[in-house]
Amino acid sequence: MEDVKTFFAAMIEQWPLPDFLTVILLGAFPIVELRGAIPLAFAGYGFSAPVAFGLAVLGNALVPLAAMPLLGTVSARLSERFPAAERFFTWLFTRTRRNHEKSFEKWKEFALVIFVAIPLPFTGAWTASLVAFVFGIPLRKAFLLIGIGAIIAGAIVTAATLGVINAWVFFL
């Protein structure tokens, strides 16, 4: 166990960015998002719960501002240049809308909040941004809804991380 702690401590010490910026960027990074940023902020950098929560949620909530315009630009450019890409995107978006239309009609845009709020793999701000893009939710509204989901997910991950840390300390 000591070797693992030493390894991660050495990695963290050599990282070139300031600690707070690392947590924000990790909170925005696909797949890892809040689920990795908050534990790192606690265990790696020793941030308090409010600071860890705030930095990770900030990074995660900023994702739709980058992801949605990027998705629009990339899909449009690829569709213009490659007929196969246009067919693929048309098929993908039509299929996605058809398969999830009933759930989306039931929950409306609140589905984005729920989707981001559940901190499981492949549910997060990046996937929610993709869903918002496919269903044509305006960026401003998607940003608000995904931000609310990120706050809820951040609270869940912070509580879970604090529980694990406290249990670890208790049993040692």
N, C-alpha and C. Protein backbone atom coordinates (compact mmCIF):
# COMPACT_ATOMS: atom_id res chain seq x y z
N MET A 1 0.81 -1.20 0.00
CA MET A 1 0.00 0.00 0.00
C MET A 1 0.86 1.27 0.00
N GLU A 2 1.95 1.25 0.73
CA GLU A 2 2.85 2.39 0.79
C GLU A 2 3.44 2.71 -0.57
N ASP A 3 3.73 1.68 -1.38
CA ASP A 3 4.27 1.90 -2.72
C ASP A 3 3.29 2.66 -3.60
N VAL A 4 2.02 2.30 -3.48
CA VAL A 4 0.98 2.97 -4.27
C VAL A 4 0.87 4.43 -3.85
N LYS A 5 0.87 4.69 -2.55
CA LYS A 5 0.79 6.06 -2.05
C LYS A 5 2.00 6.87 -2.52
N THR A 6 3.16 6.28 -2.48
CA THR A 6 4.37 6.96 -2.91
C THR A 6 4.32 7.28 -4.40
N PHE A 7 3.84 6.31 -5.18
CA PHE A 7 3.73 6.50 -6.63
C PHE A 7 2.82 7.68 -6.95
N PHE A 8 1.63 7.71 -6.35
CA PHE A 8 0.69 8.79 -6.63
C PHE A 8 1.18 10.13 -6.08
N ALA A 9 1.83 10.11 -4.94
CA ALA A 9 2.38 11.34 -4.39
C ALA A 9 3.44 11.92 -5.33
N ALA A 10 4.28 11.07 -5.89
CA ALA A 10 5.30 11.53 -6.83
C ALA A 10 4.67 12.09 -8.10
N MET A 11 3.61 11.45 -8.60
CA MET A 11 2.92 11.94 -9.79
C MET A 11 2.33 13.32 -9.54
N ILE A 12 1.68 13.49 -8.40
CA ILE A 12 1.03 14.75 -8.08
C ILE A 12 2.06 15.87 -7.93
N GLU A 13 3.19 15.57 -7.31
CA GLU A 13 4.23 16.59 -7.13
C GLU A 13 4.82 17.06 -8.45
N GLN A 14 4.88 16.18 -9.45
CA GLN A 14 5.49 16.53 -10.73
C GLN A 14 4.50 17.18 -11.71
N TRP A 15 3.23 17.19 -11.40
CA TRP A 15 2.23 17.76 -12.30
C TRP A 15 2.47 19.25 -12.44
N PRO A 16 2.50 19.80 -13.67
CA PRO A 16 2.92 21.19 -13.86
C PRO A 16 1.86 22.25 -13.56
N LEU A 17 0.60 21.89 -13.48
CA LEU A 17 -0.45 22.89 -13.28
C LEU A 17 -0.74 23.11 -11.79
N PRO A 18 -1.27 24.28 -11.45
CA PRO A 18 -1.69 24.50 -10.06
C PRO A 18 -2.78 23.50 -9.67
N ASP A 19 -2.83 23.17 -8.40
CA ASP A 19 -3.77 22.16 -7.90
C ASP A 19 -5.22 22.48 -8.25
N PHE A 20 -5.63 23.73 -8.02
CA PHE A 20 -7.03 24.08 -8.27
C PHE A 20 -7.39 23.92 -9.75
N LEU A 21 -6.47 24.26 -10.64
CA LEU A 21 -6.72 24.14 -12.08
C LEU A 21 -6.78 22.67 -12.50
N THR A 22 -5.97 21.85 -11.89
CA THR A 22 -5.99 20.42 -12.17
C THR A 22 -7.36 19.83 -11.82
N VAL A 23 -7.91 20.22 -10.69
CA VAL A 23 -9.22 19.71 -10.27
C VAL A 23 -10.30 20.19 -11.23
N ILE A 24 -10.26 21.44 -11.65
CA ILE A 24 -11.24 21.97 -12.60
C ILE A 24 -11.15 21.21 -13.93
N LEU A 25 -9.95 21.04 -14.44
CA LEU A 25 -9.77 20.34 -15.72
C LEU A 25 -10.18 18.87 -15.62
N LEU A 26 -9.85 18.22 -14.52
CA LEU A 26 -10.25 16.82 -14.34
C LEU A 26 -11.77 16.72 -14.24
N GLY A 27 -12.41 17.71 -13.61
CA GLY A 27 -13.87 17.73 -13.54
C GLY A 27 -14.50 17.87 -14.92
N ALA A 28 -13.78 18.46 -15.86
CA ALA A 28 -14.28 18.63 -17.23
C ALA A 28 -13.84 17.51 -18.16
N PHE A 29 -12.94 16.67 -17.71
CA PHE A 29 -12.38 15.63 -18.58
C PHE A 29 -13.37 14.49 -18.78
N PRO A 30 -13.58 14.04 -20.03
CA PRO A 30 -14.53 12.95 -20.28
C PRO A 30 -14.20 11.69 -19.47
N ILE A 31 -15.21 10.97 -19.14
CA ILE A 31 -15.20 9.72 -18.38
C ILE A 31 -14.87 9.96 -16.90
N VAL A 32 -13.80 10.68 -16.59
CA VAL A 32 -13.40 10.90 -15.19
C VAL A 32 -14.38 11.85 -14.52
N GLU A 33 -14.54 13.02 -15.06
CA GLU A 33 -15.43 14.06 -14.59
C GLU A 33 -15.38 14.21 -13.06
N LEU A 34 -16.53 14.42 -12.44
CA LEU A 34 -16.60 14.63 -10.99
C LEU A 34 -16.12 13.42 -10.19
N ARG A 35 -16.39 12.24 -10.74
CA ARG A 35 -16.08 11.01 -10.01
C ARG A 35 -14.60 10.84 -9.73
N GLY A 36 -13.76 11.51 -10.50
CA GLY A 36 -12.33 11.45 -10.25
C GLY A 36 -11.78 12.73 -9.65
N ALA A 37 -12.38 13.86 -10.01
CA ALA A 37 -11.86 15.15 -9.57
C ALA A 37 -12.04 15.37 -8.07
N ILE A 38 -13.18 14.99 -7.54
CA ILE A 38 -13.44 15.24 -6.12
C ILE A 38 -12.55 14.37 -5.23
N PRO A 39 -12.45 13.07 -5.48
CA PRO A 39 -11.52 12.28 -4.64
C PRO A 39 -10.07 12.77 -4.73
N LEU A 40 -9.63 13.19 -5.92
CA LEU A 40 -8.27 13.71 -6.06
C LEU A 40 -8.11 14.99 -5.26
N ALA A 41 -9.11 15.84 -5.30
CA ALA A 41 -9.04 17.10 -4.56
C ALA A 41 -8.90 16.85 -3.05
N PHE A 42 -9.61 15.84 -2.55
CA PHE A 42 -9.51 15.49 -1.12
C PHE A 42 -8.19 14.80 -0.81
N ALA A 43 -8.01 13.65 -1.44
CA ALA A 43 -6.89 12.78 -1.09
C ALA A 43 -5.55 13.27 -1.63
N GLY A 44 -5.55 13.82 -2.83
CA GLY A 44 -4.30 14.23 -3.44
C GLY A 44 -3.84 15.62 -3.04
N TYR A 45 -4.79 16.54 -2.93
CA TYR A 45 -4.42 17.93 -2.69
C TYR A 45 -4.85 18.46 -1.32
N GLY A 46 -5.65 17.69 -0.61
CA GLY A 46 -6.06 18.10 0.73
C GLY A 46 -7.04 19.25 0.77
N PHE A 47 -7.80 19.45 -0.31
CA PHE A 47 -8.81 20.52 -0.31
C PHE A 47 -9.95 20.17 0.64
N SER A 48 -10.59 21.19 1.15
CA SER A 48 -11.77 20.99 1.99
C SER A 48 -12.94 20.55 1.10
N ALA A 49 -13.99 20.05 1.73
CA ALA A 49 -15.15 19.58 0.97
C ALA A 49 -15.76 20.68 0.10
N PRO A 50 -16.00 21.89 0.63
CA PRO A 50 -16.60 22.92 -0.23
C PRO A 50 -15.71 23.30 -1.42
N VAL A 51 -14.42 23.37 -1.20
CA VAL A 51 -13.51 23.75 -2.29
C VAL A 51 -13.44 22.64 -3.34
N ALA A 52 -13.30 21.40 -2.89
CA ALA A 52 -13.25 20.26 -3.82
C ALA A 52 -14.54 20.19 -4.64
N PHE A 53 -15.65 20.32 -3.97
CA PHE A 53 -16.96 20.30 -4.63
C PHE A 53 -17.06 21.43 -5.65
N GLY A 54 -16.74 22.64 -5.24
CA GLY A 54 -16.89 23.81 -6.11
C GLY A 54 -16.02 23.74 -7.35
N LEU A 55 -14.77 23.36 -7.19
CA LEU A 55 -13.86 23.30 -8.34
C LEU A 55 -14.28 22.21 -9.33
N ALA A 56 -14.62 21.04 -8.81
CA ALA A 56 -15.01 19.93 -9.69
C ALA A 56 -16.32 20.22 -10.41
N VAL A 57 -17.28 20.78 -9.71
CA VAL A 57 -18.57 21.13 -10.33
C VAL A 57 -18.37 22.22 -11.38
N LEU A 58 -17.53 23.19 -11.09
CA LEU A 58 -17.25 24.24 -12.07
C LEU A 58 -16.72 23.63 -13.37
N GLY A 59 -15.73 22.76 -13.26
CA GLY A 59 -15.19 22.11 -14.46
C GLY A 59 -16.23 21.31 -15.20
N ASN A 60 -17.05 20.57 -14.45
CA ASN A 60 -18.05 19.72 -15.07
C ASN A 60 -19.17 20.53 -15.71
N ALA A 61 -19.56 21.62 -15.08
CA ALA A 61 -20.65 22.44 -15.61
C ALA A 61 -20.25 23.20 -16.87
N LEU A 62 -18.95 23.40 -17.08
CA LEU A 62 -18.48 24.11 -18.27
C LEU A 62 -18.45 23.24 -19.52
N VAL A 63 -18.60 21.94 -19.35
CA VAL A 63 -18.50 21.00 -20.48
C VAL A 63 -19.45 21.34 -21.63
N PRO A 64 -20.75 21.59 -21.38
CA PRO A 64 -21.63 21.84 -22.53
C PRO A 64 -21.24 23.07 -23.34
N LEU A 65 -20.60 24.05 -22.70
CA LEU A 65 -20.18 25.25 -23.43
C LEU A 65 -19.14 24.92 -24.50
N ALA A 66 -18.35 23.89 -24.26
CA ALA A 66 -17.36 23.46 -25.24
C ALA A 66 -17.89 22.34 -26.13
N ALA A 67 -18.58 21.38 -25.51
CA ALA A 67 -18.98 20.17 -26.22
C ALA A 67 -20.06 20.42 -27.28
N MET A 68 -21.09 21.16 -26.95
CA MET A 68 -22.19 21.32 -27.89
C MET A 68 -21.79 22.07 -29.16
N PRO A 69 -21.08 23.20 -29.07
CA PRO A 69 -20.63 23.84 -30.32
C PRO A 69 -19.65 22.95 -31.10
N LEU A 70 -18.81 22.24 -30.39
CA LEU A 70 -17.85 21.34 -31.03
C LEU A 70 -18.58 20.23 -31.78
N LEU A 71 -19.59 19.65 -31.15
CA LEU A 71 -20.38 18.60 -31.82
C LEU A 71 -21.05 19.13 -33.08
N GLY A 72 -21.61 20.32 -32.99
CA GLY A 72 -22.26 20.91 -34.15
C GLY A 72 -21.28 21.17 -35.28
N THR A 73 -20.15 21.73 -34.96
CA THR A 73 -19.15 22.05 -35.97
C THR A 73 -18.59 20.79 -36.62
N VAL A 74 -18.21 19.83 -35.80
CA VAL A 74 -17.61 18.59 -36.32
C VAL A 74 -18.59 17.83 -37.19
N SER A 75 -19.82 17.65 -36.71
CA SER A 75 -20.80 16.89 -37.51
C SER A 75 -21.14 17.61 -38.81
N ALA A 76 -21.24 18.93 -38.76
CA ALA A 76 -21.54 19.69 -39.98
C ALA A 76 -20.40 19.62 -40.99
N ARG A 77 -19.18 19.80 -40.51
CA ARG A 77 -18.03 19.75 -41.42
C ARG A 77 -17.83 18.37 -42.03
N LEU A 78 -17.96 17.35 -41.20
CA LEU A 78 -17.80 15.99 -41.73
C LEU A 78 -18.91 15.65 -42.72
N SER A 79 -20.13 16.09 -42.41
CA SER A 79 -21.26 15.83 -43.31
C SER A 79 -21.09 16.54 -44.64
N GLU A 80 -20.53 17.74 -44.63
CA GLU A 80 -20.30 18.50 -45.87
C GLU A 80 -19.26 17.81 -46.75
N ARG A 81 -18.24 17.27 -46.13
CA ARG A 81 -17.12 16.72 -46.90
C ARG A 81 -17.28 15.25 -47.27
N PHE A 82 -18.00 14.52 -46.45
CA PHE A 82 -18.10 13.07 -46.67
C PHE A 82 -19.57 12.64 -46.66
N PRO A 83 -20.09 12.19 -47.79
CA PRO A 83 -21.47 11.73 -47.83
C PRO A 83 -21.74 10.58 -46.83
N ALA A 84 -20.75 9.73 -46.63
CA ALA A 84 -20.92 8.64 -45.67
C ALA A 84 -21.11 9.16 -44.25
N ALA A 85 -20.41 10.23 -43.92
CA ALA A 85 -20.56 10.84 -42.59
C ALA A 85 -21.95 11.43 -42.43
N GLU A 86 -22.46 12.06 -43.50
CA GLU A 86 -23.82 12.62 -43.43
C GLU A 86 -24.84 11.52 -43.21
N ARG A 87 -24.70 10.41 -43.94
CA ARG A 87 -25.61 9.27 -43.75
C ARG A 87 -25.50 8.72 -42.33
N PHE A 88 -24.27 8.62 -41.83
CA PHE A 88 -24.05 8.09 -40.48
C PHE A 88 -24.71 8.98 -39.43
N PHE A 89 -24.46 10.29 -39.50
CA PHE A 89 -25.02 11.20 -38.51
C PHE A 89 -26.55 11.22 -38.60
N THR A 90 -27.08 11.20 -39.80
CA THR A 90 -28.54 11.17 -39.95
C THR A 90 -29.10 9.90 -39.32
N TRP A 91 -28.47 8.76 -39.60
CA TRP A 91 -28.90 7.49 -39.02
C TRP A 91 -28.79 7.51 -37.49
N LEU A 92 -27.65 7.98 -36.99
CA LEU A 92 -27.40 7.98 -35.55
C LEU A 92 -28.38 8.89 -34.81
N PHE A 93 -28.56 10.10 -35.31
CA PHE A 93 -29.45 11.04 -34.63
C PHE A 93 -30.90 10.60 -34.71
N THR A 94 -31.32 10.08 -35.85
CA THR A 94 -32.69 9.59 -36.00
C THR A 94 -32.93 8.40 -35.07
N ARG A 95 -32.00 7.48 -35.06
CA ARG A 95 -32.12 6.29 -34.20
C ARG A 95 -32.15 6.69 -32.72
N THR A 96 -31.28 7.59 -32.34
CA THR A 96 -31.23 8.02 -30.93
C THR A 96 -32.53 8.71 -30.54
N ARG A 97 -33.02 9.59 -31.38
CA ARG A 97 -34.29 10.27 -31.07
C ARG A 97 -35.43 9.26 -30.96
N ARG A 98 -35.49 8.32 -31.89
CA ARG A 98 -36.56 7.32 -31.90
C ARG A 98 -36.49 6.44 -30.65
N ASN A 99 -35.31 5.99 -30.27
CA ASN A 99 -35.17 5.08 -29.13
C ASN A 99 -35.41 5.75 -27.78
N HIS A 100 -35.19 7.05 -27.70
CA HIS A 100 -35.30 7.72 -26.41
C HIS A 100 -36.38 8.79 -26.37
N GLU A 101 -37.18 8.85 -27.42
CA GLU A 101 -38.20 9.88 -27.52
C GLU A 101 -39.24 9.78 -26.40
N LYS A 102 -39.68 8.57 -26.08
CA LYS A 102 -40.72 8.40 -25.05
C LYS A 102 -40.22 8.85 -23.68
N SER A 103 -39.00 8.45 -23.34
CA SER A 103 -38.43 8.88 -22.06
C SER A 103 -38.27 10.39 -22.03
N PHE A 104 -37.84 10.94 -23.12
CA PHE A 104 -37.60 12.37 -23.17
C PHE A 104 -38.92 13.14 -23.10
N GLU A 105 -39.97 12.62 -23.74
CA GLU A 105 -41.28 13.27 -23.67
C GLU A 105 -41.81 13.24 -22.25
N LYS A 106 -41.56 12.13 -21.56
CA LYS A 106 -42.06 11.97 -20.19
C LYS A 106 -41.38 12.95 -19.23
N TRP A 107 -40.07 13.02 -19.31
CA TRP A 107 -39.30 13.82 -18.37
C TRP A 107 -38.94 15.20 -18.90
N LYS A 108 -39.15 15.43 -20.20
CA LYS A 108 -38.77 16.69 -20.85
C LYS A 108 -37.28 16.94 -20.66
N GLU A 109 -36.90 18.18 -20.56
CA GLU A 109 -35.49 18.52 -20.42
C GLU A 109 -34.92 18.13 -19.06
N PHE A 110 -35.82 17.88 -18.08
CA PHE A 110 -35.37 17.46 -16.76
C PHE A 110 -34.59 16.14 -16.83
N ALA A 111 -34.78 15.41 -17.93
CA ALA A 111 -34.03 14.17 -18.14
C ALA A 111 -32.52 14.44 -18.12
N LEU A 112 -32.11 15.59 -18.62
CA LEU A 112 -30.68 15.94 -18.60
C LEU A 112 -30.17 16.07 -17.17
N VAL A 113 -30.97 16.69 -16.31
CA VAL A 113 -30.57 16.84 -14.91
C VAL A 113 -30.39 15.47 -14.28
N ILE A 114 -31.36 14.60 -14.46
CA ILE A 114 -31.30 13.26 -13.89
C ILE A 114 -30.10 12.50 -14.44
N PHE A 115 -29.90 12.60 -15.74
CA PHE A 115 -28.83 11.87 -16.40
C PHE A 115 -27.46 12.27 -15.85
N VAL A 116 -27.25 13.54 -15.61
CA VAL A 116 -25.96 14.01 -15.09
C VAL A 116 -25.87 13.74 -13.58
N ALA A 117 -26.99 13.83 -12.88
CA ALA A 117 -26.98 13.71 -11.42
C ALA A 117 -26.61 12.31 -10.94
N ILE A 118 -26.84 11.30 -11.74
CA ILE A 118 -26.50 9.94 -11.35
C ILE A 118 -25.03 9.69 -11.70
N PRO A 119 -24.16 9.63 -10.69
CA PRO A 119 -22.73 9.53 -10.98
C PRO A 119 -22.29 8.09 -11.30
N LEU A 120 -22.66 7.63 -12.46
CA LEU A 120 -22.26 6.31 -12.94
C LEU A 120 -21.46 6.47 -14.22
N PRO A 121 -20.73 5.44 -14.62
CA PRO A 121 -19.99 5.54 -15.89
C PRO A 121 -20.93 5.85 -17.06
N PHE A 122 -20.50 6.69 -17.94
CA PHE A 122 -21.20 7.11 -19.15
C PHE A 122 -22.46 7.91 -18.88
N THR A 123 -22.63 8.38 -17.64
CA THR A 123 -23.67 9.36 -17.36
C THR A 123 -22.95 10.58 -16.80
N GLY A 124 -22.96 11.63 -17.53
CA GLY A 124 -22.25 12.81 -17.08
C GLY A 124 -22.47 13.95 -18.05
N ALA A 125 -21.70 14.99 -17.88
CA ALA A 125 -21.90 16.21 -18.65
C ALA A 125 -21.61 16.00 -20.14
N TRP A 126 -20.61 15.18 -20.48
CA TRP A 126 -20.29 14.96 -21.89
C TRP A 126 -21.42 14.23 -22.60
N THR A 127 -21.90 13.17 -22.02
CA THR A 127 -22.99 12.41 -22.64
C THR A 127 -24.26 13.24 -22.67
N ALA A 128 -24.52 13.98 -21.61
CA ALA A 128 -25.71 14.85 -21.57
C ALA A 128 -25.61 15.95 -22.63
N SER A 129 -24.41 16.46 -22.88
CA SER A 129 -24.22 17.45 -23.94
C SER A 129 -24.54 16.86 -25.30
N LEU A 130 -24.13 15.62 -25.50
CA LEU A 130 -24.46 14.92 -26.74
C LEU A 130 -25.97 14.74 -26.88
N VAL A 131 -26.62 14.34 -25.81
CA VAL A 131 -28.08 14.17 -25.82
C VAL A 131 -28.76 15.51 -26.12
N ALA A 132 -28.30 16.57 -25.47
CA ALA A 132 -28.88 17.90 -25.70
C ALA A 132 -28.71 18.32 -27.15
N PHE A 133 -27.56 18.04 -27.71
CA PHE A 133 -27.30 18.36 -29.11
C PHE A 133 -28.23 17.58 -30.03
N VAL A 134 -28.35 16.28 -29.80
CA VAL A 134 -29.19 15.42 -30.65
C VAL A 134 -30.66 15.83 -30.56
N PHE A 135 -31.12 16.20 -29.37
CA PHE A 135 -32.52 16.56 -29.20
C PHE A 135 -32.79 18.05 -29.44
N GLY A 136 -31.76 18.78 -29.83
CA GLY A 136 -31.96 20.18 -30.20
C GLY A 136 -32.25 21.12 -29.04
N ILE A 137 -31.77 20.80 -27.86
CA ILE A 137 -31.96 21.69 -26.72
C ILE A 137 -30.98 22.85 -26.86
N PRO A 138 -31.46 24.07 -26.75
CA PRO A 138 -30.57 25.22 -26.90
C PRO A 138 -29.45 25.21 -25.86
N LEU A 139 -28.31 25.73 -26.25
CA LEU A 139 -27.11 25.70 -25.40
C LEU A 139 -27.36 26.33 -24.03
N ARG A 140 -28.01 27.46 -23.99
CA ARG A 140 -28.25 28.14 -22.71
C ARG A 140 -29.06 27.26 -21.75
N LYS A 141 -30.11 26.63 -22.28
CA LYS A 141 -30.94 25.76 -21.45
C LYS A 141 -30.17 24.50 -21.04
N ALA A 142 -29.43 23.93 -21.97
CA ALA A 142 -28.64 22.73 -21.67
C ALA A 142 -27.58 23.04 -20.61
N PHE A 143 -26.95 24.20 -20.71
CA PHE A 143 -25.94 24.61 -19.73
C PHE A 143 -26.55 24.66 -18.33
N LEU A 144 -27.73 25.24 -18.20
CA LEU A 144 -28.41 25.34 -16.90
C LEU A 144 -28.77 23.96 -16.37
N LEU A 145 -29.39 23.13 -17.21
CA LEU A 145 -29.83 21.80 -16.77
C LEU A 145 -28.66 20.89 -16.42
N ILE A 146 -27.62 20.91 -17.23
CA ILE A 146 -26.45 20.09 -16.97
C ILE A 146 -25.72 20.61 -15.72
N GLY A 147 -25.71 21.91 -15.54
CA GLY A 147 -25.11 22.49 -14.33
C GLY A 147 -25.83 22.05 -13.07
N ILE A 148 -27.16 22.01 -13.10
CA ILE A 148 -27.93 21.53 -11.94
C ILE A 148 -27.61 20.07 -11.67
N GLY A 149 -27.55 19.26 -12.73
CA GLY A 149 -27.19 17.86 -12.57
C GLY A 149 -25.79 17.70 -12.01
N ALA A 150 -24.86 18.55 -12.44
CA ALA A 150 -23.48 18.49 -11.94
C ALA A 150 -23.43 18.83 -10.45
N ILE A 151 -24.24 19.76 -10.00
CA ILE A 151 -24.30 20.11 -8.57
C ILE A 151 -24.79 18.91 -7.76
N ILE A 152 -25.83 18.24 -8.24
CA ILE A 152 -26.36 17.08 -7.54
C ILE A 152 -25.34 15.94 -7.52
N ALA A 153 -24.73 15.66 -8.68
CA ALA A 153 -23.72 14.61 -8.75
C ALA A 153 -22.53 14.95 -7.86
N GLY A 154 -22.13 16.21 -7.86
CA GLY A 154 -21.02 16.64 -7.01
C GLY A 154 -21.31 16.42 -5.54
N ALA A 155 -22.55 16.70 -5.13
CA ALA A 155 -22.93 16.48 -3.73
C ALA A 155 -22.89 14.98 -3.39
N ILE A 156 -23.35 14.15 -4.30
CA ILE A 156 -23.34 12.69 -4.07
C ILE A 156 -21.90 12.19 -3.97
N VAL A 157 -21.05 12.59 -4.92
CA VAL A 157 -19.66 12.13 -4.93
C VAL A 157 -18.90 12.67 -3.71
N THR A 158 -19.16 13.91 -3.33
CA THR A 158 -18.50 14.49 -2.15
C THR A 158 -18.90 13.72 -0.89
N ALA A 159 -20.19 13.46 -0.74
CA ALA A 159 -20.66 12.71 0.43
C ALA A 159 -20.07 11.30 0.46
N ALA A 160 -20.04 10.65 -0.69
CA ALA A 160 -19.47 9.30 -0.76
C ALA A 160 -17.98 9.31 -0.45
N THR A 161 -17.27 10.29 -1.00
CA THR A 161 -15.83 10.38 -0.76
C THR A 161 -15.54 10.66 0.71
N LEU A 162 -16.28 11.56 1.32
CA LEU A 162 -16.11 11.83 2.74
C LEU A 162 -16.40 10.59 3.57
N GLY A 163 -17.42 9.84 3.18
CA GLY A 163 -17.75 8.60 3.89
C GLY A 163 -16.64 7.58 3.79
N VAL A 164 -16.07 7.42 2.62
CA VAL A 164 -14.98 6.46 2.43
C VAL A 164 -13.74 6.89 3.21
N ILE A 165 -13.41 8.17 3.15
CA ILE A 165 -12.24 8.67 3.88
C ILE A 165 -12.43 8.50 5.38
N ASN A 166 -13.61 8.85 5.88
CA ASN A 166 -13.87 8.70 7.31
C ASN A 166 -13.85 7.24 7.74
N ALA A 167 -14.39 6.37 6.91
CA ALA A 167 -14.36 4.94 7.22
C ALA A 167 -12.93 4.42 7.23
N TRP A 168 -12.12 4.88 6.27
CA TRP A 168 -10.72 4.47 6.17
C TRP A 168 -9.96 4.88 7.42
N VAL A 169 -10.16 6.14 7.86
CA VAL A 169 -9.49 6.64 9.06
C VAL A 169 -9.96 5.88 10.29
N PHE A 170 -11.26 5.59 10.36
CA PHE A 170 -11.83 4.89 11.51
C PHE A 170 -11.22 3.49 11.64
N PHE A 171 -11.09 2.78 10.54
CA PHE A 171 -10.60 1.40 10.60
C PHE A 171 -9.08 1.31 10.72
N LEU A 172 -8.38 2.38 10.48
CA LEU A 172 -6.92 2.36 10.66
C LEU A 172 -6.62 2.68 12.07
